[in-house]
Protein backbone atom coordinates (compact mmCIF):
# COMPACT_ATOMS: atom_id res chain seq x y z
CA MET A 1 82.47 123.62 96.61
CA ARG A 2 80.54 126.57 98.18
CA ILE A 3 77.61 126.33 100.22
CA HIS A 4 75.65 130.07 101.41
CA GLY A 5 78.52 131.88 100.02
CA GLN A 6 81.11 130.52 101.98
CA PHE A 7 84.00 128.71 100.95
CA ASN A 8 83.65 125.19 102.29
CA LEU A 9 86.78 122.91 103.08
CA GLY A 10 85.23 119.78 104.34
CA PHE A 11 85.82 116.33 103.28
CA ASP A 12 85.50 117.10 99.83
CA ARG A 13 88.70 118.19 100.22
CA GLN A 14 90.45 115.44 102.46
CA GLN A 15 93.03 113.82 100.16
CA PHE A 16 94.47 117.46 99.62
CA VAL A 17 94.61 118.09 103.37
CA VAL A 18 96.17 114.42 104.50
CA THR A 19 99.14 114.81 101.38
CA SER A 20 102.04 114.70 103.92
CA GLY A 21 100.03 111.87 105.83
CA ILE A 22 100.20 110.09 102.23
CA LEU A 23 103.85 110.35 101.85
CA LEU A 24 104.03 108.02 104.80
CA ILE A 25 101.48 105.53 103.92
CA PHE A 26 103.49 104.75 100.81
CA SER A 27 106.73 104.94 102.46
CA GLY A 28 106.47 101.24 102.92
CA ILE A 29 106.36 100.22 98.96
CA ILE A 30 108.56 103.44 98.10
CA ILE A 31 111.45 102.92 100.52
CA SER A 32 111.80 99.08 99.24
CA CYS A 33 111.90 100.64 95.60
CA VAL A 34 114.68 103.04 96.03
CA LEU A 35 117.05 101.63 98.66
CA PRO A 36 119.65 99.61 97.61
CA ALA A 37 118.98 96.05 97.47
CA THR A 38 122.54 94.44 99.28
CA ALA A 39 123.00 90.57 101.02
CA GLY A 40 122.84 89.60 104.54
CA THR A 41 119.01 90.10 105.15
CA LYS A 42 118.07 89.52 108.71
CA GLY A 43 115.10 87.94 110.02
CA ASP A 44 113.36 85.27 108.39
CA ILE A 45 111.22 86.42 105.14
CA GLU A 46 109.06 83.28 105.00
CA LEU A 47 107.14 85.00 107.52
CA LEU A 48 105.25 87.12 105.12
CA ARG A 49 103.80 83.99 103.71
CA LEU A 50 102.81 83.14 106.56
CA VAL A 51 100.87 86.63 107.32
CA ALA A 52 99.85 86.64 104.11
CA THR A 53 98.09 83.20 104.15
CA ALA A 54 96.46 83.52 107.40
CA HIS A 55 95.41 87.14 106.69
CA GLN A 56 93.95 86.03 103.18
CA ALA A 57 92.19 83.13 105.20
CA ASN A 58 90.38 85.27 107.21
CA ARG A 59 89.12 87.46 104.42
CA ALA A 60 87.92 84.22 102.64
CA ARG A 61 85.64 83.39 106.02
CA ILE A 62 84.13 87.12 105.40
CA ARG A 63 81.12 86.60 102.93
CA THR A 64 78.65 89.58 103.71
CA TRP A 65 79.12 92.50 106.24
CA ARG A 66 77.02 94.83 107.53
CA GLY A 67 76.98 97.61 110.29
CA ARG A 68 77.89 101.01 111.79
CA ALA A 69 80.46 102.89 111.82
CA HIS A 70 81.38 106.29 114.26
CA ILE A 71 83.85 108.05 112.73
CA GLU A 72 85.71 111.47 114.05
CA VAL A 73 88.49 113.48 112.45
CA ILE A 74 90.21 116.13 114.06
CA ASN A 75 92.94 118.62 112.53
CA ALA A 76 95.31 120.67 114.61
CA ASP A 77 98.25 122.61 115.23
CA ALA A 78 100.25 123.87 118.32
CA ASN A 79 97.37 126.16 119.74
CA GLY A 80 94.57 123.22 119.34
CA ILE A 81 91.75 121.91 117.05
CA ILE A 82 91.40 123.41 113.89
CA ILE A 83 88.59 121.61 112.48
CA LYS A 84 86.90 118.45 114.16
CA ASP A 85 83.67 116.52 112.38
CA LYS A 86 81.80 113.53 113.59
CA GLN A 87 80.21 111.53 111.06
CA THR A 88 78.40 108.20 110.99
CA VAL A 89 78.49 105.88 108.20
CA ASP A 90 75.91 103.00 107.64
CA PHE A 91 77.16 100.01 105.50
CA ILE A 92 76.15 96.62 104.14
CA SER A 93 78.31 94.77 101.92
CA ASP A 94 78.03 91.47 99.99
CA ARG A 95 81.96 90.27 98.79
CA SER A 96 80.11 87.16 96.73
CA ARG A 97 78.28 90.00 94.57
CA GLY A 98 81.51 92.63 95.03
CA VAL A 99 79.17 95.46 96.04
CA THR A 100 79.13 97.80 99.32
CA ARG A 101 76.63 99.91 99.86
CA TRP A 102 76.48 103.05 102.71
CA LYS A 103 75.07 106.15 104.00
CA TRP A 104 77.00 108.54 105.21
CA ILE A 105 75.65 111.20 107.67
CA HIS A 106 77.64 114.61 109.11
CA ASN A 107 76.88 114.77 112.55
CA GLU A 108 79.13 117.46 113.96
CA ARG A 109 81.41 120.23 112.73
CA TYR A 110 83.55 122.62 114.72
CA VAL A 111 85.60 124.92 112.90
CA ARG A 112 87.94 127.57 114.83
CA GLU A 113 86.75 131.09 114.83
CA GLY A 114 88.11 133.24 111.73
CA LEU A 115 89.45 130.05 109.87
CA GLN A 116 90.19 130.91 106.43
CA ILE A 117 92.27 129.39 103.20
CA GLU A 118 93.28 131.44 100.24
CA GLY A 119 91.18 134.35 101.70
CA HIS A 120 87.92 132.78 102.19
CA PRO A 121 86.30 131.83 105.23
CA VAL A 122 86.14 128.10 105.99
CA SER A 123 82.40 126.78 106.45
CA ASP A 124 81.09 124.99 109.49
CA THR A 125 77.91 123.81 107.81
CA LEU A 126 77.21 120.22 107.78
CA LEU A 127 77.74 118.40 104.65
CA GLU A 128 74.49 116.86 103.51
CA ALA A 129 73.91 113.04 103.43
CA LEU A 130 75.27 111.07 100.83
CA ASN A 131 73.71 107.29 99.25
CA ALA A 132 76.50 105.50 97.77
CA MET A 133 77.35 102.35 96.40
CA THR A 134 79.93 100.10 94.88
CA THR A 135 79.62 97.14 92.17
CA ARG A 136 82.31 95.57 89.93
CA GLY A 137 81.48 97.43 87.14
CA GLY A 138 80.30 101.08 88.43
CA PHE A 139 80.34 103.89 91.30
CA TYR A 140 77.02 104.87 92.01
CA ARG A 141 76.48 107.94 93.99
CA ARG A 142 73.04 109.75 95.24
CA ALA A 143 73.44 113.03 96.77
CA PRO A 144 72.46 116.34 96.56
CA ALA A 145 73.69 118.27 93.34
CA ILE A 146 71.26 120.83 92.36
CA THR A 147 69.80 123.83 93.92
CA THR A 148 66.48 125.27 92.32
CA ARG A 149 65.83 129.24 92.09
CA GLU A 150 63.82 128.57 95.30
CA GLY A 151 66.88 126.99 97.06
CA GLN A 152 65.50 123.39 97.16
CA ARG A 153 68.33 121.01 96.89
CA LEU A 154 67.54 118.25 94.62
CA ASN A 155 69.27 114.85 94.57
CA THR A 156 70.90 113.08 91.58
CA ILE A 157 72.53 109.62 90.90
CA VAL A 158 76.05 109.54 88.89
CA ILE A 159 77.56 106.49 87.98
CA TRP A 160 81.48 106.83 87.78
CA PRO A 161 83.80 103.84 86.74
CA PRO A 162 84.22 101.58 89.86
CA GLU A 163 88.06 102.73 89.90
CA ARG A 164 86.60 106.39 90.78
CA ALA A 165 85.96 105.15 94.01
CA HIS A 166 89.68 104.55 94.50
CA ARG A 167 90.37 107.87 93.98
CA SER A 168 87.36 109.79 95.78
CA SER A 169 87.95 111.37 99.18
CA TYR A 170 86.77 109.45 102.14
CA SER A 171 83.35 111.19 102.65
CA ASP A 172 82.07 109.92 98.89
CA CYS A 173 83.42 106.56 99.68
CA PHE A 174 84.01 103.68 102.29
CA ASP A 175 84.49 99.89 102.34
CA PRO A 176 84.94 98.03 105.43
CA MET A 177 87.21 95.64 103.91
CA TRP A 178 89.71 98.34 103.50
CA TYR A 179 90.38 98.67 107.25
CA LEU A 180 91.87 94.89 106.92
CA THR A 181 94.64 96.09 104.64
CA GLY A 182 97.14 97.68 106.91
CA HIS A 183 97.12 100.93 105.70
CA MET A 184 93.19 101.61 105.24
CA THR A 185 94.45 103.04 101.65
CA LYS A 186 91.89 102.72 98.73
CA CYS A 187 94.47 102.60 95.86
CA LEU A 188 96.91 100.18 97.91
CA ASP A 189 94.06 98.08 99.58
CA ASP A 190 95.42 94.45 98.62
CA LEU A 191 98.02 93.30 101.82
CA VAL A 192 98.74 90.52 100.08
CA ASP A 193 100.05 91.59 96.88
CA ARG A 194 102.24 94.47 99.10
CA LEU A 195 103.82 91.23 100.84
CA ALA A 196 104.53 89.46 97.86
CA PHE A 197 106.16 92.42 96.16
CA LEU A 198 108.53 92.74 99.35
CA TYR A 199 108.87 89.14 99.35
CA ARG A 200 110.36 89.00 96.25
CA ARG A 201 112.31 91.90 96.87
CA VAL A 202 114.27 89.57 99.36
CA LYS A 203 113.96 86.53 97.10
CA ASN A 204 114.93 87.85 94.31
CA GLN A 205 117.15 91.10 94.92
CA GLY A 206 118.60 90.42 97.92
CA ALA A 207 116.94 93.15 99.45
CA SER A 208 118.57 93.68 103.08
CA ASP A 209 116.40 96.72 103.94
CA ILE A 210 112.89 94.56 104.59
CA ILE A 211 113.41 92.53 107.82
CA ALA A 212 110.61 89.99 109.44
CA THR A 213 111.21 88.47 112.72
CA ARG A 214 108.67 86.90 115.16
CA GLN A 215 107.41 86.90 118.77
CA GLY A 216 104.94 84.43 120.13
CA ASP A 217 101.75 85.39 117.67
CA LEU A 218 103.38 88.69 116.43
CA VAL A 219 105.28 89.01 113.21
CA PHE A 220 106.86 92.54 112.84
CA LEU A 221 108.00 93.75 109.31
CA GLN A 222 110.67 96.64 109.08
CA LEU A 223 111.28 98.28 106.35
CA GLY A 224 114.13 101.34 105.70
CA ASN A 225 116.44 102.98 107.75
CA GLU A 226 117.12 105.71 110.11
CA ASN A 227 115.84 108.19 107.69
CA ILE A 228 112.76 106.96 106.26
CA LEU A 229 111.38 104.02 108.60
CA THR A 230 108.37 101.80 108.71
CA ARG A 231 107.30 99.15 111.01
CA HIS A 232 104.25 96.78 111.02
CA THR A 233 103.27 94.52 113.59
CA PHE A 234 100.98 91.37 112.58
CA ASP A 235 99.28 89.37 114.92
CA LEU A 236 98.20 85.72 113.68
CA SER A 237 95.92 84.92 116.52
CA ARG A 238 93.92 87.89 115.35
CA GLY A 239 93.68 86.52 111.53
CA GLY A 240 97.04 87.56 110.37
CA ASN A 241 95.52 91.22 110.48
CA VAL A 242 98.02 94.30 111.33
CA VAL A 243 97.44 96.01 115.04
CA LYS A 244 99.53 98.15 114.63
CA TYR A 245 101.88 100.36 111.96
CA TYR A 246 104.31 102.99 112.84
CA ALA A 247 106.18 105.15 109.98
CA HIS A 248 108.51 108.06 110.42
CA SER A 249 110.45 110.22 107.89
CA ASN A 250 112.32 113.66 108.16
CA ASN A 251 108.55 115.43 108.03
CA GLY A 252 107.20 113.50 110.32
CA THR A 253 105.90 110.44 112.08
CA GLU A 254 102.61 108.01 111.61
CA LEU A 255 100.53 105.72 114.09
CA ARG A 256 97.85 103.41 113.36
CA GLU A 257 96.54 100.78 115.82
CA TRP A 258 93.52 98.60 115.49
CA THR A 259 91.74 96.14 117.66
CA TYR A 260 89.24 93.31 116.80
CA GLU A 261 86.67 91.39 117.51
CA GLN A 262 86.06 88.04 116.13
CA ILE A 263 82.76 86.96 114.69
CA ASP A 264 81.49 83.61 113.36
CA GLY A 265 84.90 82.92 112.81
CA ALA A 266 86.54 85.54 111.27
CA TRP A 267 88.20 88.98 112.77
CA VAL A 268 86.73 92.19 112.15
CA PRO A 269 88.10 95.52 113.32
CA LYS A 270 86.22 96.90 116.18
CA THR A 271 88.29 100.02 116.48
CA PHE A 272 90.94 101.71 114.19
CA MET A 273 93.22 105.22 115.18
CA PHE A 274 94.80 106.67 112.73
CA SER A 275 96.87 109.87 113.82
CA TYR A 276 100.18 112.03 111.94
CA ASP A 277 102.42 114.71 113.37
CA VAL A 278 104.28 116.80 110.68
CA LYS A 279 106.53 119.59 110.22
CA SER A 280 105.25 121.20 107.69
CA PRO A 281 101.63 122.63 107.66
CA ASP A 282 99.04 121.34 105.45
CA ALA A 283 96.55 123.84 103.78
CA LEU A 284 95.02 124.78 106.86
CA GLY A 285 98.02 125.53 108.99
CA ALA A 286 97.66 122.07 110.61
CA THR A 287 100.49 119.69 112.03
CA SER A 288 98.77 117.11 113.61
CA ARG A 289 96.03 114.68 112.00
CA ILE A 290 93.46 112.46 114.09
CA ARG A 291 91.06 109.80 112.58
CA ARG A 292 89.12 107.34 114.92
CA VAL A 293 86.72 104.80 113.84
CA THR A 294 84.47 102.77 116.18
CA PHE A 295 82.74 99.90 114.18
CA VAL A 296 79.39 99.24 116.13
CA GLU A 297 76.93 96.45 115.47
CA ASN A 298 78.99 94.20 113.05
CA ILE A 299 76.91 91.24 111.89
CA LEU A 300 78.67 88.91 109.09
CA ASN A 301 77.52 86.39 106.95
CA ASP A 302 73.93 86.67 107.30
CA PRO A 303 71.93 86.46 103.69
CA ILE A 304 71.46 89.52 102.14
CA SER A 305 68.58 90.18 99.52
CA VAL A 306 70.02 91.60 95.99
CA SER A 307 67.26 94.32 96.65
CA GLN A 308 69.12 95.90 99.33
CA PHE A 309 71.16 96.86 96.41
CA SER A 310 69.12 98.80 93.96
CA PHE A 311 68.18 102.25 93.10
CA LYS A 312 65.18 101.99 95.71
CA ALA A 313 67.79 100.72 98.34
CA LEU A 314 69.93 104.23 97.28
CA GLY A 315 67.13 106.33 97.91
CA TYR A 316 66.14 106.87 94.28
CA GLN A 317 63.15 108.99 94.05
CA ASP A 318 60.70 109.10 90.73
CA GLY A 319 61.72 111.98 88.70
CA GLU A 320 65.43 111.88 89.82
CA GLN A 321 67.93 112.57 87.24
CA VAL A 322 70.67 109.21 86.45
CA THR A 323 73.67 110.57 84.79
CA ASP A 324 76.07 107.39 83.46
CA GLN A 325 79.85 108.77 83.27
CA ARG A 326 81.04 105.61 82.09
CA PRO A 327 83.14 105.88 79.23
CA GLU A 328 81.44 103.25 77.32
CA ASN A 329 77.57 104.56 77.51
CA PRO A 330 77.52 108.26 78.61
CA SER A 331 73.73 109.32 79.33
CA VAL A 332 71.41 110.85 81.26
CA TYR A 333 68.17 109.48 81.90
CA PHE A 334 65.37 110.26 84.30
CA GLU A 335 63.44 106.78 85.20
CA SER A 336 65.48 103.92 87.23
CA GLY A 337 63.93 100.47 85.52
CA LYS A 338 66.45 99.94 83.17
CA TRP A 339 69.04 100.65 85.56
CA ASP A 340 67.84 97.84 87.86
CA GLN A 341 68.32 95.49 85.13
CA LYS A 342 71.98 96.77 84.23
CA LEU A 343 72.90 96.35 87.82
CA ALA A 344 71.62 92.86 88.44
CA LEU A 345 74.01 91.65 85.70
CA GLU A 346 76.75 93.64 87.96
CA LEU A 347 75.56 91.54 91.12
CA GLN A 348 75.88 88.42 89.59
CA VAL A 349 76.97 86.07 92.35
CA LEU A 350 80.53 84.85 91.45
CA PRO A 351 82.44 81.09 92.60
CA GLU A 352 84.18 81.42 95.43
CA ARG A 353 87.24 82.22 95.01
CA THR A 354 90.08 79.21 95.70
CA ALA A 355 93.52 79.73 97.72
CA HIS A 356 95.66 79.10 93.99
CA GLU A 357 93.38 82.29 93.04
CA GLU A 358 93.95 84.36 95.81
CA LEU A 359 97.38 83.90 96.62
CA PRO A 360 100.82 84.49 94.54
CA PRO A 361 102.43 81.34 94.06
CA GLU A 362 105.20 82.46 96.04
CA PHE A 363 102.82 81.95 99.34
CA ALA A 364 101.92 78.64 98.08
CA GLU A 365 102.30 76.06 101.23
CA ILE A 366 105.28 74.38 101.22
CA LEU A 367 105.60 70.71 100.89
CA THR A 368 108.91 70.15 103.17
CA GLY A 369 107.99 68.02 105.96
CA LYS A 370 104.32 66.53 104.37
CA PRO A 371 103.26 63.55 102.58
CA LEU A 372 104.02 64.06 98.77
CA PRO A 373 100.78 64.69 97.16
CA GLU A 374 98.69 62.02 94.69
CA LEU A 375 100.70 61.04 91.39
CA ASN A 376 97.72 59.66 89.96
CA ASP A 377 95.97 62.73 89.42
CA MET A 378 98.93 63.83 86.68
CA GLY A 379 97.88 60.34 84.52
CA ILE A 380 100.87 58.24 86.02
CA ASN A 381 99.84 54.90 87.35
CA ILE A 382 102.10 53.57 90.12
CA VAL A 383 101.72 50.54 92.01
CA PRO A 384 101.97 51.13 95.54
CA GLU A 385 103.94 47.86 96.59
CA GLN A 386 106.53 48.88 93.77
CA ILE A 387 107.78 52.59 95.50
CA ALA A 388 107.00 51.32 99.22
CA GLY A 389 110.21 52.29 101.08
CA LYS A 390 111.75 54.09 98.03
CA VAL A 391 112.98 57.89 97.56
CA ILE A 392 110.87 59.68 95.05
CA LEU A 393 111.47 62.09 92.62
CA VAL A 394 109.09 64.46 90.88
CA CYS A 395 110.22 66.85 88.27
CA PHE A 396 107.71 69.49 87.13
CA PHE A 397 109.18 70.55 83.22
CA ASP A 398 107.92 71.90 80.24
CA MET A 399 109.12 70.40 77.12
CA ASN A 400 108.64 73.84 75.46
CA GLN A 401 111.52 75.75 77.68
CA ARG A 402 114.91 74.95 77.53
CA PRO A 403 116.30 75.13 81.03
CA SER A 404 113.86 72.20 81.50
CA ARG A 405 114.25 70.08 78.51
CA ASN A 406 118.12 69.76 79.44
CA CYS A 407 117.00 69.33 83.22
CA ILE A 408 114.61 66.06 81.95
CA ILE A 409 117.93 64.82 79.65
CA GLU A 410 120.38 65.54 82.48
CA LEU A 411 118.12 63.10 84.77
CA GLY A 412 117.61 60.78 81.38
CA ARG A 413 121.71 60.22 81.90
CA GLN A 414 121.53 59.77 85.68
CA ALA A 415 118.35 57.08 85.09
CA GLU A 416 120.82 54.30 86.21
CA GLU A 417 122.34 55.66 89.03
CA LEU A 418 118.84 56.61 90.40
CA LYS A 419 117.45 53.33 90.42
CA GLU A 420 121.10 51.82 92.23
CA LYS A 421 120.50 54.35 94.85
CA GLY A 422 116.51 53.00 95.32
CA VAL A 423 115.17 56.55 93.99
CA THR A 424 111.77 56.58 91.68
CA THR A 425 112.05 59.25 89.41
CA VAL A 426 108.47 60.52 87.62
CA VAL A 427 108.79 63.67 85.44
CA ILE A 428 105.57 65.75 84.64
CA GLN A 429 104.76 67.96 82.01
CA ALA A 430 103.53 71.07 83.79
CA SER A 431 101.39 72.51 80.80
CA LYS A 432 98.92 71.10 78.15
CA VAL A 433 100.54 70.04 75.27
CA GLU A 434 99.43 67.71 72.48
CA ALA A 435 99.95 64.10 73.85
CA ASN A 436 101.64 62.71 70.60
CA LYS A 437 104.48 65.24 70.75
CA LEU A 438 105.22 65.06 74.31
CA ASN A 439 105.59 61.07 73.66
CA GLU A 440 108.01 61.76 70.33
CA TRP A 441 109.95 63.96 72.54
CA ILE A 442 110.26 61.52 75.52
CA LYS A 443 111.38 58.55 72.97
CA LYS A 444 113.32 61.00 70.58
CA ASN A 445 115.43 61.40 73.93
CA ASP A 446 115.76 58.15 75.40
CA ILE A 447 113.81 58.95 79.02
CA SER A 448 112.84 55.79 80.77
CA PHE A 449 110.85 58.07 83.43
CA PRO A 450 106.98 57.31 83.65
CA VAL A 451 105.62 60.58 82.22
CA GLY A 452 102.72 62.80 83.29
CA MET A 453 100.59 65.44 82.40
CA ILE A 454 98.91 67.85 84.24
CA GLN A 455 95.33 66.73 83.53
CA GLY A 456 93.18 69.51 85.37
CA ASP A 457 93.58 73.37 86.09
CA GLU A 458 97.43 74.08 85.82
CA GLU A 459 97.37 77.15 87.69
CA LYS A 460 95.54 75.35 91.04
CA THR A 461 97.89 72.07 90.42
CA ARG A 462 101.14 74.09 90.22
CA PHE A 463 100.23 75.97 93.21
CA ASN A 464 99.02 72.92 95.50
CA TRP A 465 102.48 71.48 94.78
CA HIS A 466 104.78 74.92 95.54
CA VAL A 467 106.01 74.70 92.08
CA LYS A 468 107.80 78.69 91.58
CA SER A 469 109.22 77.62 88.48
CA LEU A 470 110.46 75.26 85.86
CA PRO A 471 112.06 72.90 86.26
CA TRP A 472 111.09 72.28 89.62
CA LEU A 473 112.39 69.32 91.53
CA VAL A 474 110.70 67.52 94.53
CA LEU A 475 112.34 64.81 96.40
CA THR A 476 111.10 62.27 99.61
CA ASP A 477 112.17 59.96 102.25
CA GLY A 478 111.38 56.45 102.03
CA ASN A 479 108.01 57.22 103.68
CA HIS A 480 107.11 59.54 101.14
CA VAL A 481 107.55 62.59 103.06
CA VAL A 482 109.08 65.76 101.26
CA THR A 483 112.52 66.48 102.20
CA SER A 484 113.63 69.03 99.35
CA GLU A 485 112.07 71.09 96.90
CA GLY A 486 113.15 73.95 94.40
CA PHE A 487 116.59 72.69 94.16
CA SER A 488 118.54 72.23 90.72
CA VAL A 489 120.21 69.06 89.24
CA SER A 490 123.60 70.01 90.14
CA GLU A 491 122.46 69.49 94.10
CA LEU A 492 120.11 66.26 93.40
CA GLU A 493 123.64 63.85 94.30
CA ASP A 494 123.77 65.43 97.61
CA LYS A 495 120.02 65.84 98.36
CA ILE A 496 119.70 61.98 98.38
CA LYS A 497 122.31 61.63 100.61
């Protein structure tokens, strides 16, 4: 971008400037993919489930969020500051509508005298204010884009696909929820998914380079080795949010720190600091970068009118150009009326998501040590007197899967033995099938146990029962408190003892 004939390396080029830092940001994922998986993992990987559930519960408490963020960015080398910028972002977000609108203002800029890049002087001109918004269906950006012959700067609204916001520089985009992710990284902004990925690496592949430990309310997650290492610190007393992140590689080190405040039951960032130091200079010659963010005037869960997310709220003026760059309908218009109608469709309130929709199955709450959930919801009528004081064995299965069929058939062979040991066995078809086909299969294989079927939402029921795979066995004691879950039929005899 050129302004007044000078080359302007401002926030439009931030993605290029922070390349070295991004290498460290991604290291938490990269190293878990490339290092060999070996046995003997240290620590307790179940702590990741604890962090994920606490973090997701905290996010769920944030329905609306408005406020202001003061941002300072410093690029420096051994001789001091090269560029320093100060900005203010006013934002308003409604999670039920999936929309965030913000106004970005460039307040101050310092550029070291004589600074050039590729032979062009770096401008100290302040960038012009930007109004923008992201919805489920688009990324709306209103900013000066046209200069008349008289030198007047004209605003225009451009609409891109929503994923464009994740690829844009931090001056183009803002979402306060990014600061809850642990990295504040737009292309990896789901902390729960990252934790689930690491959890699977340990559980399914025996990765030994992923270590989780706990001290009081703090959970520490370490990945990697002495060459490439990342450490997260999560605070369960602060909504399971990350409070510190450290990474180092052969090229440098990175540090991120957060402080939080509790508003209306939810923990949200109060301050954020990101710094990295690298050996290899970037395009500016910088080897150090610092980004400080201070949230002020945080207001949570106050009702927000949908009018706050209109073209008028973006600052649209009659006669301004609107360009839709989304591939399904590229077009240019000079009136906003029809676009507000389209926006209304994009801003419809969605039903609140439940835990089974937000968390992966691996992070469902463990049943062990808890009372057995109700079985009557599965279409099974059990008289309480008949099972009083008896051990209960529940098997979730799918008659269309061979491992499940083999499991039920094997349990059928042990039916009398289980009955003699005081075990009441119940089997539950975990996916929808025709009732007559299920009954035919049960009769053909001489299964004498009570048989039920999930009646409602399959995924929700399996999540609530902590069913990770099929077949899935759950065993209780005589008080109907779960003692074991997720074991194989071959382990059943030892579990009953």
